[in-house]
């Protein structure tokens, strides 16, 4: 990954989100989400308009994928937080992307992972 944060690509963000949400890489849905974007090498700053539609491909109902998508969207606007504490990123992403009220399945996922919103 580049050291110039303005050049961080969508694939970089998706990989980071996947690593935050699925630390062990065992969640097949998250792995598929990461693979879906592995070739998206456009700097994320150049594709902010429409990014939410781009990462919310299909009807992803898996709470871990929905949370990974939220992390991507959150970090896309806060590239300076890219390397911050994963739990803090999860907490802030849930607050920002769901207005502090995640859907029930996502809230259950957050609770199961010890993340308070």
Protein backbone atom coordinates (compact mmCIF):
# COMPACT_ATOMS: atom_id res chain seq x y z
CA UNK A 1 0.00 0.00 0.00
CA UNK A 2 1.13 3.52 -0.74
CA UNK A 3 2.30 5.88 2.00
CA UNK A 4 0.42 8.74 0.30
CA UNK A 5 -3.02 8.34 1.85
CA UNK A 6 -4.67 10.23 -1.02
CA UNK A 7 -3.71 7.31 -3.28
CA UNK A 8 -5.29 4.56 -1.16
CA UNK A 9 -7.40 2.45 -3.50
CA UNK A 10 -10.79 0.91 -3.00
CA UNK A 11 -9.16 -2.52 -2.95
CA UNK A 12 -6.85 -1.30 -0.14
CA UNK A 13 -9.86 -0.12 1.88
CA UNK A 14 -11.82 -3.30 1.28
CA UNK A 15 -8.85 -5.44 2.36
CA UNK A 16 -8.44 -3.31 5.50
CA UNK A 17 -12.17 -3.54 6.27
CA UNK A 18 -12.07 -7.29 5.74
CA UNK A 19 -9.13 -7.63 8.10
CA UNK A 20 -10.90 -5.55 10.75
CA UNK A 21 -14.23 -7.38 10.51
CA UNK A 22 -12.86 -10.89 9.95
CA UNK A 23 -9.51 -11.00 11.72
CA UNK A 24 -8.93 -14.69 11.06
CA UNK A 25 -10.18 -14.64 7.46
CA UNK A 26 -12.68 -17.41 8.16
CA UNK A 27 -15.94 -15.67 7.26
CA UNK A 28 -16.76 -16.80 3.71
CA UNK A 29 -19.06 -13.82 3.10
CA UNK A 30 -16.36 -11.32 4.06
CA UNK A 31 -13.77 -13.20 2.01
CA UNK A 32 -16.12 -13.02 -1.01
CA UNK A 33 -16.66 -9.29 -0.40
CA UNK A 34 -12.90 -8.69 -0.38
CA UNK A 35 -12.40 -10.81 -3.49
CA UNK A 36 -15.20 -8.94 -5.27
CA UNK A 37 -13.17 -5.73 -4.99
CA UNK A 38 -9.63 -7.05 -5.28
CA UNK A 39 -9.12 -5.37 -8.67
CA UNK A 40 -10.66 -1.99 -7.78
CA UNK A 41 -7.40 -0.05 -7.99
CA UNK A 42 -8.82 3.44 -8.42
CA UNK A 43 -7.79 5.85 -5.66
CA UNK A 44 -10.84 5.99 -3.41
CA UNK A 45 -10.74 9.80 -3.30
CA UNK A 46 -11.58 9.81 -6.99
CA UNK A 47 -14.68 7.63 -6.62
CA UNK A 48 -16.36 8.97 -3.48
CA UNK A 49 -19.50 9.87 -5.43
CA UNK A 50 -21.39 6.62 -5.77
CA UNK A 51 -19.03 4.66 -3.52
CA UNK A 52 -21.88 3.49 -1.31
CA UNK A 53 -23.62 1.90 -4.30
CA UNK A 54 -20.38 0.39 -5.50
CA UNK A 55 -19.59 -1.41 -2.23
CA UNK A 56 -23.18 -2.37 -1.46
CA UNK A 57 -23.23 -4.83 -4.32
CA UNK A 58 -26.32 -6.99 -4.39
CA UNK A 59 -28.39 -7.78 -1.38
CA UNK A 60 -25.67 -8.36 1.19
CA UNK A 61 -27.58 -9.28 4.31
CA UNK A 62 -24.72 -10.90 6.19
CA UNK A 63 -24.06 -8.65 9.20
CA UNK A 64 -20.30 -9.02 8.88
CA UNK A 65 -20.40 -7.88 5.24
CA UNK A 66 -22.71 -4.98 6.06
CA UNK A 67 -20.24 -3.94 8.75
CA UNK A 68 -17.30 -4.31 6.35
CA UNK A 69 -19.13 -2.08 3.88
CA UNK A 70 -19.70 0.48 6.64
CA UNK A 71 -15.99 0.42 7.49
CA UNK A 72 -15.06 1.01 3.85
CA UNK A 73 -17.43 3.97 3.60
CA UNK A 74 -16.26 5.39 6.91
CA UNK A 75 -12.55 5.11 6.11
CA UNK A 76 -13.01 6.45 2.58
CA UNK A 77 -13.84 9.80 4.14
CA UNK A 78 -11.29 9.51 6.95
CA UNK A 79 -8.15 8.13 5.36
CA UNK A 80 -6.10 9.53 8.25
CA UNK A 81 -7.73 6.87 10.48
CA UNK A 82 -6.76 3.96 8.20
CA UNK A 83 -4.26 2.50 10.68
CA UNK A 84 -6.20 3.30 13.86
CA UNK A 85 -7.36 0.72 16.38
CA UNK A 86 -9.73 -1.76 14.67
CA UNK A 87 -12.28 -1.73 17.50
CA UNK A 88 -12.37 2.06 17.43
CA UNK A 89 -12.86 2.01 13.65
CA UNK A 90 -15.75 -0.44 14.05
CA UNK A 91 -17.37 1.72 16.72
CA UNK A 92 -16.99 4.94 14.74
CA UNK A 93 -18.10 3.33 11.47
CA UNK A 94 -21.25 1.98 13.12
CA UNK A 95 -22.03 5.39 14.56
CA UNK A 96 -21.38 7.25 11.33
CA UNK A 97 -22.85 4.88 8.77
CA UNK A 98 -25.95 3.85 10.73
CA UNK A 99 -26.54 7.13 12.58
CA UNK A 100 -25.70 5.29 15.79
CA UNK A 101 -28.54 2.78 15.27
CA UNK A 102 -27.27 -0.23 13.32
CA UNK A 103 -29.79 -2.74 11.96
CA UNK A 104 -30.62 -5.50 14.46
CA UNK A 105 -28.38 -8.13 12.84
CA UNK A 106 -25.43 -5.71 12.74
CA UNK A 107 -26.06 -4.70 16.36
CA UNK A 108 -25.98 -8.38 17.34
CA UNK A 109 -22.71 -8.78 15.44
CA UNK A 110 -21.23 -5.72 17.19
CA UNK A 111 -22.38 -7.02 20.58
CA UNK A 112 -20.89 -10.46 19.88
CA UNK A 113 -17.59 -8.76 19.07
CA UNK A 114 -17.62 -6.52 22.14
CA UNK A 115 -18.14 -3.25 20.24
CA UNK A 116 -20.28 -0.59 21.93
CA UNK A 117 -21.80 1.96 19.61
